[in-house]
Amino acid sequence: MWYLELARRIEESGLKKNAVAREAGITPQYLSQILAGEPNVSPKTKEAVLKAMRTLATKAAGGIEAPPDHPGVRELAADAE
C-alpha cells in the first residue's frame, strides 16, 4: 500500500509532516488522513505530496537532487500509482 511506504519514508527521512503538508499545499490533518490510508486521494494530491517530499529532501541534502531514475525515487513514484 503506497501510503504506508510514504509514511515510512517520511519517518526515516526526518522530514516533518507539517513541512511536507505545507509544501504540498494541504493541511497537516489531511496528510495524516492520507498516511492513515484515506481511500479517496486524488492522483494530483498524491503527486503533490511526493513532489513536496522530493523538494524538502533536496533542500535538506544541500541542493543535491536524486535523479528521477534513482531506485528510491522510482519506487516511491510506482507505489503512488
Protein backbone atom coordinates (compact mmCIF):
# COMPACT_ATOMS: atom_id res chain seq x y z
CA MET A 1 0.00 0.00 0.00
CA TRP A 2 1.57 3.22 -1.21
CA TYR A 3 0.57 5.31 1.81
CA LEU A 4 2.35 3.01 4.27
CA GLU A 5 5.54 3.31 2.25
CA LEU A 6 5.08 7.08 2.15
CA ALA A 7 4.64 7.24 5.93
CA ARG A 8 7.74 5.09 6.44
CA ARG A 9 9.82 7.29 4.15
CA ILE A 10 8.70 10.49 5.86
CA GLU A 11 9.61 8.97 9.23
CA GLU A 12 13.01 7.67 8.06
CA SER A 13 13.94 10.87 6.24
CA GLY A 14 13.40 13.04 9.27
CA LEU A 15 11.08 15.31 7.30
CA LYS A 16 8.44 16.99 9.40
CA LYS A 17 4.86 16.16 8.43
CA ASN A 18 3.84 19.81 8.82
CA ALA A 19 6.56 20.86 6.38
CA VAL A 20 5.53 18.18 3.86
CA ALA A 21 1.87 19.23 4.15
CA ARG A 22 2.70 22.92 3.75
CA GLU A 23 4.92 22.27 0.72
CA ALA A 24 2.20 20.07 -0.82
CA GLY A 25 -0.48 22.69 -0.24
CA ILE A 26 -2.61 20.54 2.04
CA THR A 27 -3.37 20.65 5.75
CA PRO A 28 -1.37 18.55 8.20
CA GLN A 29 -4.64 16.87 9.16
CA TYR A 30 -5.26 15.80 5.56
CA LEU A 31 -1.70 14.49 5.26
CA SER A 32 -2.33 12.43 8.41
CA GLN A 33 -5.51 11.05 6.84
CA ILE A 34 -3.57 10.16 3.68
CA LEU A 35 -0.89 8.40 5.71
CA ALA A 36 -3.61 6.51 7.59
CA GLY A 37 -4.98 5.13 4.32
CA GLU A 38 -7.62 7.63 3.17
CA PRO A 39 -9.01 5.85 0.09
CA ASN A 40 -10.17 8.91 -1.86
CA VAL A 41 -6.86 10.65 -2.52
CA SER A 42 -6.64 12.16 -5.98
CA PRO A 43 -3.64 11.44 -8.19
CA LYS A 44 -2.94 15.19 -8.15
CA THR A 45 -2.70 15.21 -4.35
CA LYS A 46 -0.51 12.09 -4.31
CA GLU A 47 1.86 13.75 -6.77
CA ALA A 48 1.87 16.98 -4.74
CA VAL A 49 2.89 15.05 -1.61
CA LEU A 50 5.61 13.13 -3.47
CA LYS A 51 6.91 16.36 -5.04
CA ALA A 52 6.92 18.05 -1.63
CA MET A 53 8.96 15.20 -0.18
CA ARG A 54 11.46 15.36 -3.05
CA THR A 55 11.75 19.15 -2.74
CA LEU A 56 12.28 19.08 1.01
CA ALA A 57 14.72 16.16 0.82
CA THR A 58 16.69 18.03 -1.85
CA LYS A 59 16.83 21.15 0.33
CA ALA A 60 17.94 19.04 3.30
CA ALA A 61 20.69 17.48 1.17
CA GLY A 62 22.08 20.89 0.30
CA GLY A 63 20.50 21.03 -3.13
CA ILE A 64 21.64 17.60 -4.29
CA GLU A 65 18.69 16.01 -6.02
CA ALA A 66 18.29 12.30 -6.56
CA PRO A 67 17.92 11.61 -10.28
CA PRO A 68 14.44 10.53 -11.38
CA ASP A 69 15.76 7.06 -12.22
CA HIS A 70 17.25 6.57 -8.75
CA PRO A 71 15.74 3.36 -7.31
CA GLY A 72 14.20 5.12 -4.30
CA VAL A 73 12.54 7.78 -6.45
CA ARG A 74 11.22 5.19 -8.94
CA GLU A 75 9.93 3.00 -6.09
CA LEU A 76 8.08 5.82 -4.39
CA ALA A 77 6.54 7.04 -7.65
CA ALA A 78 5.46 3.49 -8.57
CA ASP A 79 3.95 2.95 -5.14
CA ALA A 80 1.82 6.06 -5.55
CA GLU A 81 0.16 4.78 -8.71
